[in-house]
N, C-alpha and C. Protein backbone atom coordinates (compact mmCIF):
# COMPACT_ATOMS: atom_id res chain seq x y z
N MET A 1 42.61 31.31 -27.33
CA MET A 1 41.85 31.80 -28.56
C MET A 1 40.40 31.40 -28.24
N THR A 2 39.59 31.73 -28.96
CA THR A 2 37.94 31.97 -28.57
C THR A 2 37.32 30.85 -29.11
N GLY A 3 37.88 29.58 -29.10
CA GLY A 3 36.81 28.43 -29.56
C GLY A 3 37.10 28.27 -31.12
N PHE A 4 37.85 29.18 -31.72
CA PHE A 4 37.40 29.08 -33.32
C PHE A 4 38.85 28.19 -33.69
N ASP A 5 38.75 27.16 -34.42
CA ASP A 5 39.65 26.58 -35.09
C ASP A 5 39.26 25.98 -36.35
N ILE A 6 40.30 25.41 -37.17
CA ILE A 6 40.02 25.09 -38.48
C ILE A 6 38.97 24.00 -38.85
N GLY A 7 37.86 24.17 -39.52
CA GLY A 7 36.88 23.24 -39.43
C GLY A 7 35.59 23.39 -38.69
N ARG A 8 35.82 24.48 -37.87
CA ARG A 8 34.67 24.77 -36.92
C ARG A 8 33.50 25.40 -37.78
N ILE A 9 32.25 24.98 -37.57
CA ILE A 9 31.22 25.62 -38.16
C ILE A 9 30.65 26.71 -37.27
N CYS A 10 30.45 27.86 -38.01
CA CYS A 10 29.86 28.95 -37.45
C CYS A 10 28.90 29.67 -37.80
N VAL A 11 28.26 30.66 -37.24
CA VAL A 11 27.04 31.28 -37.67
C VAL A 11 27.59 32.77 -37.74
N LYS A 12 27.12 33.55 -38.95
CA LYS A 12 27.61 35.02 -39.23
C LYS A 12 26.45 35.70 -38.36
N LEU A 13 27.11 36.76 -37.48
CA LEU A 13 26.14 37.51 -36.76
C LEU A 13 25.82 38.75 -37.23
N SER A 14 26.55 39.10 -38.49
CA SER A 14 26.03 40.64 -38.80
C SER A 14 26.41 40.62 -40.38
N GLY A 15 25.92 41.74 -41.12
CA GLY A 15 25.94 41.93 -42.38
C GLY A 15 25.03 41.28 -43.09
N ARG A 16 25.03 41.11 -44.53
CA ARG A 16 23.85 40.66 -45.32
C ARG A 16 23.73 39.10 -45.20
N GLU A 17 24.80 38.42 -44.66
CA GLU A 17 24.83 37.05 -44.51
C GLU A 17 24.38 36.68 -43.08
N ALA A 18 23.95 37.36 -42.26
CA ALA A 18 23.59 37.14 -40.92
C ALA A 18 22.96 36.16 -40.88
N GLY A 19 22.88 35.14 -39.79
CA GLY A 19 22.00 34.13 -39.49
C GLY A 19 22.57 32.90 -40.57
N LYS A 20 23.52 33.15 -41.45
CA LYS A 20 23.84 31.78 -42.34
C LYS A 20 25.11 31.28 -41.78
N LYS A 21 25.16 29.91 -42.09
CA LYS A 21 26.42 29.27 -41.27
C LYS A 21 27.63 29.08 -42.26
N CYS A 22 28.76 29.12 -41.77
CA CYS A 22 30.09 29.09 -42.67
C CYS A 22 31.06 28.22 -41.72
N VAL A 23 32.11 27.95 -42.44
CA VAL A 23 33.16 27.19 -42.09
C VAL A 23 34.39 28.11 -41.96
N VAL A 24 35.16 27.74 -40.82
CA VAL A 24 36.57 28.26 -40.65
C VAL A 24 37.52 27.51 -41.38
N LEU A 25 38.28 28.47 -42.26
CA LEU A 25 39.32 27.63 -42.72
C LEU A 25 40.80 28.02 -42.55
N ASP A 26 40.85 29.17 -42.00
CA ASP A 26 42.24 29.60 -41.42
C ASP A 26 42.05 30.75 -40.39
N ILE A 27 42.94 30.68 -39.52
CA ILE A 27 42.78 31.91 -38.48
C ILE A 27 43.94 32.83 -38.85
N VAL A 28 43.51 34.07 -39.51
CA VAL A 28 44.34 35.06 -39.83
C VAL A 28 45.34 35.43 -38.73
N ASP A 29 44.69 36.09 -37.78
CA ASP A 29 45.29 36.59 -36.42
C ASP A 29 44.23 36.58 -35.23
N LYS A 30 44.61 37.21 -34.32
CA LYS A 30 43.55 37.10 -33.15
C LYS A 30 42.25 38.00 -33.37
N ASN A 31 42.23 38.66 -34.60
CA ASN A 31 41.01 39.19 -34.67
C ASN A 31 40.18 38.75 -36.10
N PHE A 32 40.90 38.19 -36.95
CA PHE A 32 40.38 37.74 -38.18
C PHE A 32 40.44 36.10 -38.42
N ALA A 33 39.33 35.88 -39.10
CA ALA A 33 39.59 34.45 -39.53
C ALA A 33 39.16 34.21 -41.10
N LEU A 34 39.31 33.33 -41.75
CA LEU A 34 39.11 33.23 -43.12
C LEU A 34 38.02 31.95 -43.23
N ILE A 35 36.89 32.44 -43.71
CA ILE A 35 35.51 31.36 -43.72
C ILE A 35 35.20 31.29 -45.16
N THR A 36 34.34 30.26 -45.34
CA THR A 36 33.77 29.98 -46.58
C THR A 36 32.16 29.40 -46.18
N GLY A 37 31.41 29.58 -47.00
CA GLY A 37 29.95 28.89 -46.96
C GLY A 37 29.98 27.38 -46.99
N PRO A 38 30.62 26.92 -48.01
CA PRO A 38 30.56 27.42 -49.13
C PRO A 38 29.44 28.04 -50.07
N PRO A 39 29.58 29.01 -51.11
CA PRO A 39 28.63 29.64 -51.60
C PRO A 39 27.41 28.48 -52.24
N LYS A 40 28.06 27.60 -52.61
CA LYS A 40 26.97 26.59 -53.55
C LYS A 40 25.88 26.00 -52.32
N LEU A 41 26.40 26.19 -50.95
CA LEU A 41 25.63 25.67 -49.87
C LEU A 41 24.52 26.63 -49.13
N THR A 42 25.43 27.58 -48.88
CA THR A 42 24.95 28.76 -47.68
C THR A 42 25.11 30.06 -48.28
N GLU A 43 25.51 30.16 -49.52
CA GLU A 43 25.65 31.82 -50.40
C GLU A 43 26.62 32.54 -49.30
N VAL A 44 27.63 31.96 -48.60
CA VAL A 44 28.57 32.62 -47.90
C VAL A 44 29.96 32.56 -48.59
N LYS A 45 30.29 33.85 -49.19
CA LYS A 45 31.43 33.56 -50.08
C LYS A 45 32.62 33.57 -49.10
N ARG A 46 33.83 32.92 -49.66
CA ARG A 46 35.01 32.91 -49.00
C ARG A 46 35.56 34.41 -48.78
N ARG A 47 35.76 34.57 -47.45
CA ARG A 47 36.23 35.83 -47.09
C ARG A 47 37.02 36.07 -45.70
N ARG A 48 37.72 36.87 -45.49
CA ARG A 48 38.16 37.33 -44.05
C ARG A 48 37.15 37.96 -43.29
N VAL A 49 36.81 37.34 -42.01
CA VAL A 49 35.83 38.27 -41.32
C VAL A 49 36.43 38.56 -39.81
N ASN A 50 35.94 39.47 -39.36
CA ASN A 50 36.19 39.78 -37.93
C ASN A 50 35.42 38.52 -36.73
N ILE A 51 36.46 38.03 -36.16
CA ILE A 51 36.00 37.01 -35.24
C ILE A 51 34.67 37.40 -34.43
N GLN A 52 34.48 38.73 -34.10
CA GLN A 52 33.28 39.36 -33.30
C GLN A 52 32.18 39.07 -34.12
N HIS A 53 32.12 38.75 -35.43
CA HIS A 53 30.99 38.80 -36.43
C HIS A 53 30.50 37.60 -36.72
N ILE A 54 31.36 36.41 -35.99
CA ILE A 54 30.89 34.96 -36.06
C ILE A 54 30.75 34.52 -34.96
N GLU A 55 29.69 33.30 -34.56
CA GLU A 55 29.80 32.74 -33.35
C GLU A 55 29.89 31.34 -33.65
N ALA A 56 30.90 30.49 -32.92
CA ALA A 56 31.21 29.09 -32.96
C ALA A 56 29.99 28.34 -32.73
N THR A 57 29.72 27.18 -33.34
CA THR A 57 28.84 26.18 -32.96
C THR A 57 29.64 24.93 -32.42
N GLN A 58 28.79 23.95 -31.74
CA GLN A 58 29.52 22.73 -31.20
C GLN A 58 30.14 22.00 -32.46
N GLU A 59 29.44 22.05 -33.79
CA GLU A 59 29.90 21.28 -34.83
C GLU A 59 31.23 21.66 -35.40
N ARG A 60 31.97 20.68 -36.06
CA ARG A 60 33.12 20.88 -36.65
C ARG A 60 33.54 19.77 -37.59
N ILE A 61 34.05 19.91 -38.65
CA ILE A 61 34.43 18.91 -39.79
C ILE A 61 35.92 18.92 -39.86
N GLU A 62 36.34 17.71 -40.48
CA GLU A 62 37.74 17.65 -40.63
C GLU A 62 38.25 18.17 -41.97
N ILE A 63 38.90 19.29 -42.00
CA ILE A 63 39.38 19.85 -43.28
C ILE A 63 40.92 20.38 -42.98
N LYS A 64 41.63 20.61 -44.05
CA LYS A 64 42.96 20.86 -43.92
C LYS A 64 42.94 22.42 -43.98
N LYS A 65 44.01 23.21 -43.50
CA LYS A 65 44.00 24.63 -43.51
C LYS A 65 44.12 25.22 -44.75
N GLY A 66 42.91 26.18 -45.19
CA GLY A 66 42.83 26.76 -46.30
C GLY A 66 42.28 25.75 -47.50
N ALA A 67 41.49 25.01 -47.23
CA ALA A 67 40.70 23.91 -47.98
C ALA A 67 39.99 24.52 -49.00
N THR A 68 39.78 24.05 -50.22
CA THR A 68 38.96 24.73 -51.31
C THR A 68 37.44 24.31 -50.66
N ASP A 69 36.63 25.17 -51.71
CA ASP A 69 35.07 24.93 -51.33
C ASP A 69 34.66 23.57 -51.74
N GLU A 70 35.31 22.92 -52.74
CA GLU A 70 34.86 21.65 -53.05
C GLU A 70 35.24 20.80 -51.99
N GLU A 71 36.59 20.95 -51.37
CA GLU A 71 36.95 19.96 -50.25
C GLU A 71 36.10 19.99 -49.01
N VAL A 72 35.60 21.23 -48.78
CA VAL A 72 34.83 21.65 -47.82
C VAL A 72 33.32 20.97 -47.91
N VAL A 73 32.89 20.98 -49.20
CA VAL A 73 31.48 20.34 -49.55
C VAL A 73 31.50 18.88 -49.37
N LYS A 74 32.91 18.07 -49.91
CA LYS A 74 33.03 16.78 -49.64
C LYS A 74 33.05 16.48 -48.13
N ALA A 75 33.64 17.15 -47.37
CA ALA A 75 33.80 16.94 -46.02
C ALA A 75 32.43 17.00 -45.54
N LEU A 76 31.53 17.98 -45.84
CA LEU A 76 30.16 18.15 -45.10
C LEU A 76 29.53 16.91 -45.57
N GLU A 77 29.48 16.71 -46.59
CA GLU A 77 28.56 15.47 -47.16
C GLU A 77 29.11 14.09 -46.58
N LYS A 78 30.15 14.29 -46.25
CA LYS A 78 30.71 12.87 -45.58
C LYS A 78 30.19 12.82 -44.13
N VAL A 79 30.18 13.68 -43.54
CA VAL A 79 29.59 13.62 -42.08
C VAL A 79 28.03 13.85 -42.25
N LYS A 80 27.50 14.22 -43.57
CA LYS A 80 25.97 14.54 -43.41
C LYS A 80 25.60 15.62 -42.83
N LYS A 81 26.31 16.84 -43.04
CA LYS A 81 26.00 18.14 -42.58
C LYS A 81 25.41 19.03 -43.60
N THR A 82 25.16 18.66 -44.85
CA THR A 82 24.64 19.74 -45.78
C THR A 82 23.38 20.18 -45.47
N SER A 83 22.30 19.57 -44.91
CA SER A 83 21.05 20.11 -44.66
C SER A 83 21.43 21.18 -43.27
N PHE A 84 22.33 20.78 -42.39
CA PHE A 84 22.42 21.47 -41.07
C PHE A 84 23.24 22.96 -41.58
N MET A 85 23.97 22.93 -42.65
CA MET A 85 24.51 24.12 -43.10
C MET A 85 23.63 24.93 -43.95
N LYS A 86 22.61 24.39 -44.64
CA LYS A 86 21.33 25.18 -45.38
C LYS A 86 20.47 25.70 -44.44
N ALA A 87 20.19 25.24 -43.22
CA ALA A 87 19.62 25.77 -42.23
C ALA A 87 19.83 27.19 -41.70
N GLU A 88 19.14 28.23 -41.88
CA GLU A 88 19.26 29.64 -41.30
C GLU A 88 19.10 29.58 -39.84
N VAL A 89 19.88 30.44 -39.10
CA VAL A 89 19.55 30.71 -37.66
C VAL A 89 19.16 31.97 -37.57
N LYS A 90 18.32 32.42 -36.77
CA LYS A 90 17.71 33.84 -36.48
C LYS A 90 18.92 34.41 -35.69
N PRO A 91 19.64 35.58 -36.25
CA PRO A 91 20.67 36.08 -35.31
C PRO A 91 20.04 36.95 -34.21
């Protein structure tokens, strides 16, 4: 695999959400992952993306596969990563 796992924080590389951070919720297959921002924090909607359009960071959070956006927000707050998620990266 390419370093993507559930709970991995990634940066979107392309599209209108380029530079925004997201969290991997599930690995669909070798080409796609299910991600969410969540929208409340980063404006990235829950969707399936090509893994070539996201780049993994060193950061990860503890969530279960397919976690809801609320669960993701709680997990990010628990490890104090909300401001890290809001900060955009120049793609």
